[in-house]
Protein backbone atom coordinates (compact mmCIF):
# COMPACT_ATOMS: atom_id res chain seq x y z
CA MET A 1 2.32 83.15 186.39
CA THR A 2 4.90 83.59 183.68
CA GLY A 3 7.08 86.65 183.40
CA SER A 4 6.38 89.19 180.71
CA GLY A 5 10.05 89.59 179.79
CA ASN A 6 10.71 93.16 178.69
CA PRO A 7 7.41 95.08 178.79
CA ASP A 8 8.95 98.21 177.38
CA GLY A 9 10.46 96.32 174.48
CA ASN A 10 7.14 94.58 173.75
CA ALA A 11 5.32 97.90 173.89
CA LYS A 12 7.75 99.35 171.38
CA ARG A 13 7.24 96.40 169.07
CA ARG A 14 3.47 96.81 169.30
CA GLN A 15 3.59 100.45 168.22
CA PRO A 16 2.42 100.83 164.61
CA SER A 17 4.98 102.13 162.20
CA ILE A 18 4.28 105.47 160.56
CA VAL A 19 5.23 105.65 156.89
CA LEU A 20 5.15 108.85 154.86
CA GLU A 21 4.70 107.86 151.23
CA LEU A 22 6.45 110.28 148.87
CA ASP A 23 5.02 108.95 145.60
CA PRO A 24 1.61 110.63 145.00
CA GLU A 25 0.31 107.69 142.96
CA LYS A 26 1.25 105.15 145.62
CA GLU A 27 -0.21 107.43 148.30
CA GLU A 28 -3.53 107.62 146.40
CA ILE A 29 -3.61 103.83 146.01
CA ARG A 30 -2.93 103.45 149.73
CA LYS A 31 -5.81 105.82 150.53
CA GLN A 32 -8.18 103.92 148.25
CA VAL A 33 -7.28 100.61 149.89
CA ALA A 34 -7.75 102.19 153.34
CA ARG A 35 -11.17 103.63 152.37
CA TYR A 36 -12.31 100.28 150.99
CA SER A 37 -11.17 98.44 154.13
CA LEU A 38 -12.91 101.00 156.33
CA ASN A 39 -16.24 101.11 154.49
CA ALA A 40 -16.53 97.51 153.23
CA MET A 41 -15.08 95.67 156.24
CA GLN A 42 -14.83 97.68 159.46
CA PHE A 43 -18.00 99.79 159.30
CA PRO A 44 -20.30 96.80 158.54
CA ILE A 45 -18.93 95.01 161.60
CA LEU A 46 -19.47 98.10 163.76
CA ARG A 47 -22.96 98.49 162.28
CA LEU A 48 -23.90 94.94 163.24
CA VAL A 49 -22.47 95.33 166.75
CA GLY A 50 -24.30 98.65 167.19
CA PHE A 51 -27.63 97.16 166.07
CA ALA A 52 -27.16 94.27 168.50
CA GLY A 53 -26.73 96.77 171.30
CA ILE A 54 -29.85 98.65 170.22
CA ALA A 55 -31.84 95.38 170.15
CA PHE A 56 -30.77 94.62 173.70
CA PHE A 57 -31.71 98.16 174.74
CA ILE A 58 -35.17 97.72 173.18
CA LEU A 59 -35.70 94.57 175.27
CA VAL A 60 -34.60 96.29 178.48
CA HIS A 61 -36.40 99.52 177.64
CA ASN A 62 -39.71 97.78 176.96
CA TYR A 63 -39.45 95.77 180.15
CA SER A 64 -38.84 98.98 182.12
CA LEU A 65 -41.76 100.67 180.38
CA PHE A 66 -44.34 97.80 180.31
CA LYS A 67 -43.03 95.67 183.23
CA VAL A 68 -42.96 92.56 181.05
CA PHE A 69 -40.48 91.13 178.53
CA SER A 70 -41.80 91.73 175.03
CA TRP A 71 -39.85 89.50 172.67
CA THR A 72 -41.82 90.53 169.61
CA ALA A 73 -40.29 93.98 169.26
CA PHE A 74 -36.84 92.56 170.05
CA LEU A 75 -37.11 89.81 167.40
CA GLN A 76 -38.61 92.16 164.79
CA PHE A 77 -35.78 94.66 165.18
CA SER A 78 -33.10 91.94 165.36
CA ALA A 79 -34.32 90.30 162.15
CA THR A 80 -34.69 93.59 160.28
CA ALA A 81 -31.34 94.95 161.45
CA SER A 82 -29.56 91.66 160.64
CA LEU A 83 -30.97 91.50 157.12
CA TYR A 84 -30.17 95.17 156.55
CA SER A 85 -26.60 94.72 157.85
CA LEU A 86 -26.03 91.69 155.61
CA PHE A 87 -27.50 93.43 152.57
CA SER A 88 -25.48 96.63 153.11
CA TRP A 89 -22.28 94.64 153.64
CA LEU A 90 -22.78 92.66 150.41
CA ILE A 91 -23.40 95.84 148.42
CA LEU A 92 -20.40 97.61 149.95
CA TYR A 93 -18.13 94.58 149.56
CA ARG A 94 -19.07 94.17 145.92
CA TYR A 95 -19.50 97.71 144.65
CA PHE A 96 -17.71 100.18 146.95
CA GLY A 97 -15.37 102.38 144.93
CA LYS A 98 -17.00 101.36 141.63
CA THR A 99 -19.94 103.77 141.58
CA GLY A 100 -18.10 106.92 140.55
CA ARG A 101 -19.04 109.99 142.54
CA PHE A 102 -21.92 108.18 144.26
CA ASP A 103 -20.64 107.28 147.74
CA LEU A 104 -22.16 103.98 148.87
CA GLY A 105 -20.70 104.41 152.36
CA LEU A 106 -22.47 107.75 152.80
CA PHE A 107 -25.68 106.29 151.38
CA PHE A 108 -25.84 103.51 153.98
CA PHE A 109 -24.96 105.95 156.76
CA CYS A 110 -28.10 107.84 155.75
CA THR A 111 -30.29 104.72 155.52
CA ASP A 112 -29.09 103.69 158.99
CA LEU A 113 -31.34 106.48 160.28
CA LEU A 114 -34.38 104.49 159.08
CA VAL A 115 -33.25 101.55 161.23
CA PHE A 116 -32.80 103.97 164.13
CA ALA A 117 -36.34 105.21 163.55
CA LEU A 118 -37.55 101.59 163.60
CA ALA A 119 -35.80 101.11 166.97
CA VAL A 120 -37.58 104.17 168.38
CA TYR A 121 -40.89 102.95 166.91
CA LEU A 122 -40.55 99.44 168.43
CA SER A 123 -39.49 100.83 171.82
CA GLY A 124 -42.59 102.95 172.39
CA GLY A 125 -42.59 105.56 169.64
CA GLU A 126 -43.12 109.03 171.06
CA LYS A 127 -42.76 107.57 174.57
CA SER A 128 -39.35 106.00 173.86
CA PHE A 129 -36.20 107.30 175.48
CA LEU A 130 -34.28 105.98 172.50
CA PHE A 131 -34.86 109.21 170.54
CA LEU A 132 -31.33 110.33 171.49
CA ILE A 133 -30.00 107.62 169.17
CA PHE A 134 -30.26 110.13 166.34
CA VAL A 135 -27.49 112.12 167.98
CA VAL A 136 -25.20 109.10 167.69
CA ARG A 137 -25.21 109.23 163.91
CA VAL A 138 -24.15 112.88 163.99
CA ALA A 139 -21.43 112.20 166.60
CA ASP A 140 -19.84 109.30 164.69
CA GLN A 141 -19.44 111.57 161.64
CA ALA A 142 -17.46 114.17 163.55
CA TYR A 143 -14.21 112.77 162.15
CA THR A 144 -15.23 113.58 158.55
CA SER A 145 -16.04 117.20 157.63
CA PHE A 146 -18.12 120.07 158.93
CA ARG A 147 -20.48 120.03 155.93
CA ARG A 148 -21.09 116.30 156.30
CA VAL A 149 -21.79 116.58 160.02
CA LEU A 150 -24.12 119.53 159.38
CA TRP A 151 -25.97 117.42 156.79
CA PHE A 152 -26.53 114.58 159.25
CA ALA A 153 -27.54 117.05 161.98
CA HIS A 154 -30.48 118.20 159.86
CA LEU A 155 -31.19 114.75 158.43
CA SER A 156 -31.44 113.15 161.89
CA VAL A 157 -33.92 115.82 163.09
CA ALA A 158 -35.93 115.44 159.89
CA THR A 159 -36.06 111.65 160.34
CA TYR A 160 -37.40 111.99 163.86
CA ILE A 161 -40.00 114.51 162.70
CA LEU A 162 -41.08 112.10 159.93
CA LEU A 163 -41.39 109.34 162.53
CA LEU A 164 -43.66 111.56 164.63
CA LEU A 165 -45.77 112.34 161.58
CA TYR A 166 -46.06 108.61 160.81
CA LEU A 167 -47.12 107.89 164.38
CA HIS A 168 -49.74 110.63 164.30
CA PHE A 169 -51.26 110.19 160.84
CA VAL A 170 -50.78 106.45 160.26
CA ASP A 171 -50.86 104.88 163.72
CA HIS A 172 -53.08 107.67 165.08
CA HIS A 173 -50.96 108.22 168.19
CA PRO A 174 -51.68 111.44 170.03
CA ILE A 175 -48.57 113.64 169.78
CA SER A 176 -48.01 116.27 172.46
CA LEU A 177 -46.21 119.23 170.91
CA SER A 178 -45.33 120.63 174.34
CA PHE A 179 -43.37 117.44 174.94
CA GLU A 180 -42.04 116.68 171.44
CA VAL A 181 -40.86 120.19 170.49
CA PRO A 182 -38.35 120.33 173.39
CA LYS A 183 -37.14 116.85 172.38
CA ILE A 184 -36.62 118.01 168.78
CA CYS A 185 -34.86 121.14 170.01
CA LEU A 186 -32.66 119.03 172.28
CA ILE A 187 -31.63 116.76 169.39
CA TYR A 188 -30.97 119.77 167.15
CA MET A 189 -28.95 121.72 169.75
CA VAL A 190 -26.78 118.70 170.56
CA ASP A 191 -26.25 118.14 166.85
CA LEU A 192 -25.21 121.75 166.34
CA TYR A 193 -22.75 121.50 169.23
CA ILE A 194 -21.23 118.43 167.61
CA CYS A 195 -21.03 120.42 164.35
CA LEU A 196 -18.98 123.13 166.07
CA THR A 197 -16.56 120.59 167.51
CA ALA A 198 -16.33 118.95 164.09
CA ARG A 199 -15.43 122.32 162.55
CA THR A 200 -12.56 122.76 165.01
CA ALA A 201 -11.40 119.19 164.36
CA GLU A 202 -11.56 119.83 160.61
CA LYS A 203 -9.29 122.87 160.95
CA LEU A 204 -6.79 120.78 162.90
CA ARG A 205 -6.95 118.04 160.25
CA ASN A 206 -6.38 120.62 157.49
CA ARG A 207 -3.34 121.93 159.33
CA THR A 208 -2.08 118.39 159.75
CA ARG A 209 -2.59 117.69 156.03
CA ALA A 210 -0.78 120.91 155.16
CA SER A 211 2.09 119.95 157.49
CA ILE A 212 2.27 116.47 155.99
CA SER A 213 2.22 117.93 152.48
CA LEU A 214 4.99 120.36 153.41
CA ALA A 215 6.98 117.54 155.03
CA ARG A 216 6.50 115.38 151.94
CA ASP A 217 7.69 118.19 149.64
CA SER A 218 10.64 118.92 151.92
CA ILE A 219 11.64 115.25 152.06
CA LYS A 220 11.36 114.98 148.26
CA LYS A 221 13.57 118.04 147.86
CA LEU A 222 16.07 116.71 150.39
CA LYS A 223 16.07 113.35 148.66
CA GLN A 224 16.68 115.02 145.31
CA GLN A 225 19.42 117.19 146.76
CA SER A 226 20.94 114.14 148.44
CA THR A 227 20.99 112.32 145.11
CA GLU A 228 22.55 115.31 143.39
CA LEU A 229 25.06 115.69 146.21
CA MET A 230 25.96 112.01 146.01
CA ALA A 231 26.49 112.29 142.26
CA ALA A 232 28.59 115.44 142.75
CA THR A 233 30.59 113.71 145.50
CA ILE A 234 31.29 110.74 143.24
CA LYS A 235 32.40 113.09 140.45
CA ALA A 236 34.55 115.05 142.88
CA GLU A 237 36.15 111.86 144.18
CA GLU A 238 36.81 110.70 140.65
CA ALA A 239 38.28 114.10 139.79
CA ASN A 240 40.38 114.04 142.96
CA ILE A 241 41.69 110.56 142.14
CA SER A 242 42.49 111.69 138.61
CA LYS A 243 44.23 114.79 139.96
CA SER A 244 46.29 112.75 142.41
CA GLU A 245 47.27 110.28 139.71
CA PHE A 246 48.19 113.14 137.38
CA LEU A 247 50.34 114.87 140.01
CA SER A 248 51.98 111.59 140.92
CA ASN A 249 52.78 110.88 137.27
CA ILE A 250 54.27 114.29 136.57
CA ASN A 251 56.17 114.45 139.84
CA HIS A 252 59.20 112.68 138.45
CA GLU A 253 58.84 114.21 134.99
CA ILE A 254 58.99 117.79 136.30
CA ARG A 255 61.29 117.39 139.28
CA THR A 256 64.05 115.72 137.28
CA PRO A 257 64.54 118.53 134.72
CA LEU A 258 64.05 121.18 137.42
CA ASN A 259 66.70 119.62 139.63
CA GLY A 260 68.95 119.34 136.62
CA LEU A 261 68.34 122.97 135.74
CA THR A 262 69.10 124.24 139.25
CA GLY A 263 72.11 121.98 139.53
CA MET A 264 73.59 123.05 136.20
CA THR A 265 73.04 126.75 136.96
CA SER A 266 74.88 126.25 140.25
CA LEU A 267 77.79 124.62 138.38
CA LEU A 268 77.67 127.29 135.70
CA SER A 269 77.84 130.05 138.31
CA ASP A 270 81.14 128.56 139.57
CA THR A 271 82.81 128.93 136.15
CA GLU A 272 84.53 132.03 134.81
CA LEU A 273 81.73 134.35 133.68
CA ASN A 274 81.59 138.03 133.03
CA THR A 275 79.29 140.29 135.01
CA GLU A 276 76.45 140.16 132.48
CA GLN A 277 76.60 136.35 132.23
CA LYS A 278 76.54 136.03 136.03
CA GLU A 279 73.39 138.15 136.13
CA TYR A 280 71.75 135.90 133.55
CA VAL A 281 72.72 132.74 135.46
CA ALA A 282 71.42 134.25 138.70
CA MET A 283 68.11 135.08 137.01
CA ILE A 284 67.85 131.52 135.63
CA LYS A 285 68.53 130.00 139.06
CA LEU A 286 66.09 132.36 140.74
CA SER A 287 63.36 131.46 138.25
CA ALA A 288 64.05 127.72 138.55
CA ASP A 289 63.96 127.91 142.36
CA ALA A 290 60.68 129.85 142.20
CA LEU A 291 59.18 127.28 139.81
CA LEU A 292 60.31 124.41 142.03
CA GLU A 293 58.82 126.15 145.07
CA VAL A 294 55.47 126.60 143.30
CA PHE A 295 55.49 122.96 142.23
CA ASN A 296 56.26 121.83 145.78
CA ASP A 297 53.40 123.98 147.11
CA ILE A 298 50.94 122.42 144.66
CA LEU A 299 52.02 118.88 145.55
CA GLU A 300 51.89 119.63 149.27
CA PHE A 301 48.43 121.20 148.96
CA SER A 302 47.17 118.22 146.97
CA ARG A 303 48.44 115.91 149.70
CA VAL A 304 46.78 117.99 152.42
CA GLU A 305 43.45 118.31 150.58
CA SER A 306 43.23 114.61 149.72
CA GLY A 307 43.87 113.57 153.33
CA GLY A 308 47.19 112.00 152.47
CA LEU A 309 49.11 114.16 154.91
CA LYS A 310 50.43 112.08 157.81
CA LEU A 311 51.58 113.76 160.99
CA GLU A 312 54.78 112.76 162.74
CA GLU A 313 55.10 112.28 166.48
CA LYS A 314 58.65 113.04 167.50
CA MET A 315 60.48 115.13 170.06
CA PHE A 316 62.16 118.27 168.79
CA ASP A 317 63.76 121.47 170.02
CA LEU A 318 61.24 124.25 169.44
CA ARG A 319 63.83 127.04 169.32
CA LYS A 320 66.00 125.18 166.85
CA ILE A 321 63.12 124.44 164.49
CA LEU A 322 61.86 128.02 164.81
CA HIS A 323 65.35 129.33 164.00
CA ASN A 324 65.44 127.17 160.86
CA ALA A 325 61.99 128.35 159.83
CA VAL A 326 62.67 132.07 160.16
CA ASN A 327 66.16 132.12 158.57
CA LYS A 328 64.76 132.40 155.06
CA VAL A 329 62.05 134.82 156.23
CA GLY A 330 64.64 137.06 157.89
CA LEU A 331 66.80 137.03 154.75
CA LYS A 332 63.88 138.14 152.57
CA ALA A 333 62.92 140.82 155.11
CA ARG A 334 66.45 142.27 155.13
CA GLN A 335 66.48 142.27 151.30
CA LYS A 336 63.42 144.58 151.45
CA ASN A 337 64.98 146.69 154.25
CA LEU A 338 62.34 145.58 156.73
CA GLY A 339 62.87 145.25 160.43
CA PHE A 340 62.65 141.63 161.61
CA ASP A 341 62.21 140.40 165.15
CA VAL A 342 61.57 136.99 166.76
CA GLU A 343 60.41 136.72 170.38
CA ILE A 344 59.98 133.54 172.43
CA SER A 345 58.55 133.88 175.91
CA SER A 346 60.66 132.53 178.74
CA GLU A 347 57.97 130.05 179.90
CA THR A 348 57.86 128.38 176.47
CA PRO A 349 59.30 124.84 176.82
CA SER A 350 62.29 123.92 174.72
CA LEU A 351 61.42 120.29 174.06
CA ILE A 352 57.98 119.36 172.74
CA ILE A 353 56.51 116.35 170.94
CA GLY A 354 54.72 116.81 167.64
CA ASP A 355 55.37 117.28 163.94
CA PRO A 356 58.37 119.62 163.50
CA VAL A 357 58.08 119.66 159.69
CA ARG A 358 54.49 120.97 159.68
CA PHE A 359 55.30 123.39 162.50
CA ARG A 360 58.20 124.80 160.47
CA GLN A 361 56.03 125.00 157.33
CA ILE A 362 53.30 126.99 159.08
CA ILE A 363 55.79 129.49 160.56
CA ALA A 364 57.60 129.83 157.22
CA ASN A 365 54.38 130.30 155.22
CA LEU A 366 53.04 132.99 157.55
CA GLY A 367 56.41 134.75 157.76
CA GLU A 368 56.94 134.78 153.99
CA ASN A 369 53.36 135.99 153.50
CA ALA A 370 54.06 138.88 155.90
CA VAL A 371 57.24 139.83 154.03
CA LYS A 372 55.49 139.57 150.67
CA PHE A 373 52.78 142.10 151.57
CA THR A 374 54.95 144.53 153.54
CA GLU A 375 56.90 147.32 151.84
CA TYR A 376 57.78 149.48 154.85
CA GLY A 377 58.12 148.86 158.55
CA ASN A 378 58.72 145.64 160.44
CA ILE A 379 57.93 141.93 160.74
CA ARG A 380 57.57 140.31 164.14
CA ILE A 381 57.12 136.63 165.07
CA ALA A 382 56.17 135.96 168.70
CA VAL A 383 55.76 132.57 170.44
CA GLU A 384 54.17 132.17 173.86
CA VAL A 385 52.31 129.57 175.91
CA ASP A 386 48.56 129.62 175.44
CA ARG A 387 47.66 126.76 177.80
CA LEU A 388 49.84 124.47 179.85
CA LYS A 389 48.93 121.14 181.45
CA GLU A 390 50.94 118.33 182.99
CA SER A 391 51.65 116.54 179.72
CA GLU A 392 50.37 119.00 177.10
CA VAL A 393 51.11 122.53 175.98
CA SER A 394 49.31 124.78 173.53
CA LEU A 395 51.51 127.36 171.83
CA HIS A 396 50.28 130.69 170.51
CA ILE A 397 52.25 132.00 167.54
CA ALA A 398 51.64 135.54 166.29
CA VAL A 399 53.11 136.79 162.99
CA ALA A 400 52.61 140.56 162.70
CA ASP A 401 53.52 142.98 159.92
CA THR A 402 53.02 146.63 158.96
CA GLY A 403 51.90 145.79 155.45
CA VAL A 404 48.87 146.82 153.43
CA GLY A 405 46.44 144.98 155.74
CA VAL A 406 43.30 143.09 154.82
CA SER A 407 39.93 144.74 154.18
CA PRO A 408 36.95 143.34 156.18
CA ASP A 409 35.17 142.08 153.07
CA VAL A 410 37.97 139.64 152.22
CA VAL A 411 38.89 138.46 155.74
CA GLU A 412 36.70 135.34 155.37
CA LYS A 413 38.18 134.57 151.93
CA ILE A 414 41.84 135.03 152.83
CA PHE A 415 42.29 131.33 153.68
CA GLU A 416 40.59 130.05 150.52
CA ARG A 417 42.80 128.29 148.00
CA PHE A 418 44.25 130.34 145.14
CA SER A 419 43.05 133.49 146.92
CA GLN A 420 44.76 136.78 147.74
CA ALA A 421 43.47 140.01 149.16
CA ASP A 422 44.16 141.58 145.77
CA GLY A 423 42.98 139.06 143.20
CA SER A 424 43.26 141.32 140.15
CA SER A 425 45.58 140.59 137.26
CA THR A 426 47.49 143.78 137.99
CA ARG A 427 48.37 142.97 141.57
CA LYS A 428 51.90 143.81 142.60
CA VAL A 429 52.51 140.71 144.68
CA GLY A 430 52.94 137.33 143.04
CA GLY A 431 52.22 133.83 144.26
CA ILE A 432 49.50 131.27 143.61
CA GLY A 433 47.68 131.77 146.92
CA LEU A 434 48.23 128.39 148.59
CA GLY A 435 50.44 129.27 151.54
CA LEU A 436 47.70 130.44 153.90
CA THR A 437 45.34 127.68 152.79
CA MET A 438 47.93 125.00 153.52
CA SER A 439 48.77 126.61 156.85
CA LYS A 440 45.10 126.56 157.84
CA HIS A 441 44.68 122.91 156.81
CA MET A 442 47.86 121.84 158.58
CA ALA A 443 46.93 123.74 161.75
CA GLU A 444 43.50 122.08 161.82
CA ILE A 445 45.00 118.63 161.17
CA MET A 446 47.37 119.21 164.08
CA GLY A 447 44.37 120.09 166.27
CA GLY A 448 44.87 123.86 166.30
CA ARG A 449 43.36 126.86 164.58
CA ILE A 450 44.43 129.99 162.72
CA TRP A 451 42.87 133.45 162.40
CA LEU A 452 43.88 136.99 161.60
CA GLU A 453 43.42 140.55 162.84
CA SER A 454 43.58 143.59 160.57
CA PRO A 455 44.34 146.41 161.08
CA LEU A 456 47.12 145.70 163.51
CA PRO A 457 45.92 145.67 167.16
CA GLU A 458 47.25 148.38 169.48
CA ARG A 459 49.27 145.92 171.53
CA PHE A 460 51.59 145.50 168.51
CA LEU A 461 51.86 149.22 167.68
CA ILE A 462 54.94 150.05 169.74
CA SER A 463 57.44 152.65 168.61
CA ASP A 464 60.20 150.28 167.53
CA PHE A 465 57.75 148.12 165.58
CA ALA A 466 55.82 150.69 163.52
CA ALA A 467 58.83 152.96 163.08
CA SER A 468 58.17 153.84 159.47
CA ALA A 469 55.73 156.67 158.78
CA ARG A 470 54.87 154.94 155.52
CA ALA A 471 53.88 151.67 157.22
CA GLY A 472 50.44 150.31 156.34
CA SER A 473 47.54 149.33 158.59
CA GLY A 474 49.16 145.95 159.14
CA THR A 475 47.99 142.42 159.87
CA VAL A 476 48.66 139.85 162.57
CA PHE A 477 48.07 136.14 162.00
CA HIS A 478 47.43 134.05 165.11
CA VAL A 479 47.99 130.29 165.35
CA THR A 480 47.39 127.98 168.29
CA LEU A 481 48.93 124.51 168.09
CA PRO A 482 48.77 121.73 170.70
CA PHE A 483 51.86 119.63 171.52
CA ARG A 484 52.73 116.96 174.04
CA LEU A 485 55.42 117.42 176.63
CA PRO A 486 58.13 114.82 177.22
CA GLU A 487 58.43 113.07 180.54
CA SER A 488 60.40 115.22 182.97
CA SER A 489 62.67 112.32 183.94
CA HIS A 490 64.05 112.09 180.38
CA GLU A 491 63.99 115.77 179.43
CA GLU A 492 67.47 116.65 180.68
CA GLY A 493 69.12 113.71 178.92
CA ILE A 494 67.37 114.46 175.67
CA ARG A 495 68.29 118.14 175.89
CA ASN A 496 71.95 117.17 176.31
CA SER A 497 71.76 114.81 173.32
CA LEU A 498 70.23 117.53 171.14
CA THR A 499 72.86 120.07 172.10
């Protein structure tokens, strides 16, 4: 005995594939081919096999009834059924599908009942137990439609009644109504039962067709949307490449004159100028610095959005980097007479491994955003440990302010590019709206997340923080960022080298 290898694999290979054709024309062609194969090839074979079985039953039935083998009835039925099967197959093979609305398959299903009647006639007529064969024709139509099954239910009963009439008036057989009426009723009741089951099956088939039609429409829509999305993606990629090339080309062209402008204003401010001239030079330098900052933000955002931002993995002193990040924020806060406070929890590690540049950018962006939208009150930046493991630490940074706050309807939009809570042309606060967007992207690239709360939660509303009666509802931005911890055996030496 040889092994069967992988039975499960063979079973999977034997399973027929199911294909849902989306093209209506191709689907109709497939159905026509399937109908032709079914009616011109498969049904004729089943018809011949069925008639062979009936012929054998006639031989056995007659022997049981007459106690002797009667080959005459067997040969008569076999010859008639064979000729009929061959004739019907030739007609179906040659003309099926070419007769318009006239269904040759249905026609031969009806004429099969005459062959069934012949089988009953040759097996004893009214004495034959083969009368139940008329139920078979109704049963094998149950897969079609309720109306078709109902038609065959009445046609089969009518055929049997015609056979009884032939036996009585032509062959002069005595017909017992007390015996034949129950037989007719039996055939009819079984046929009606099959009709009811066919109706239920038809409803299920209609639901299946509706589901397939819905699936086909949905797949077509998805395919169309996928094509449109692919085209839009290609256009977006082309536009993104063009944008990157454009920004790369103008990088040198804009930076060079801007650097020259800021440099010359610095030199000019060191010369002997009167008070009015110094004010003009200061305004020029301030405008040039602002323009350079905007240009740097656009380039940085383009790099983040295009995936060109690469993270560094280096050890740095968290408190030193944080001090560098908040220096400029604190200066701007003091210029607006705002209180400014930085808190670092005692359990926060000093040395961590990550990207110090992006960490500093996120803190600076959030701090400057807080100063920008706060006219009265305070700014607070707090750093604490969110989660701590053996070799990893997640820091929680909160940047709170007593500014105007953010209304609930714009909370979801606050991190969108070129977006501000007040997007009108008359807004008091300037900026191009990229700081929060870049902070969100950088936090996600680093494996963290960023969110906001507005108005300010109660845990931040302490007396020294919301000291001004004119302070707004306030906002607090939260950031969680994961970092790696250095090995404890080297931490002390590295701390000494940094200090």
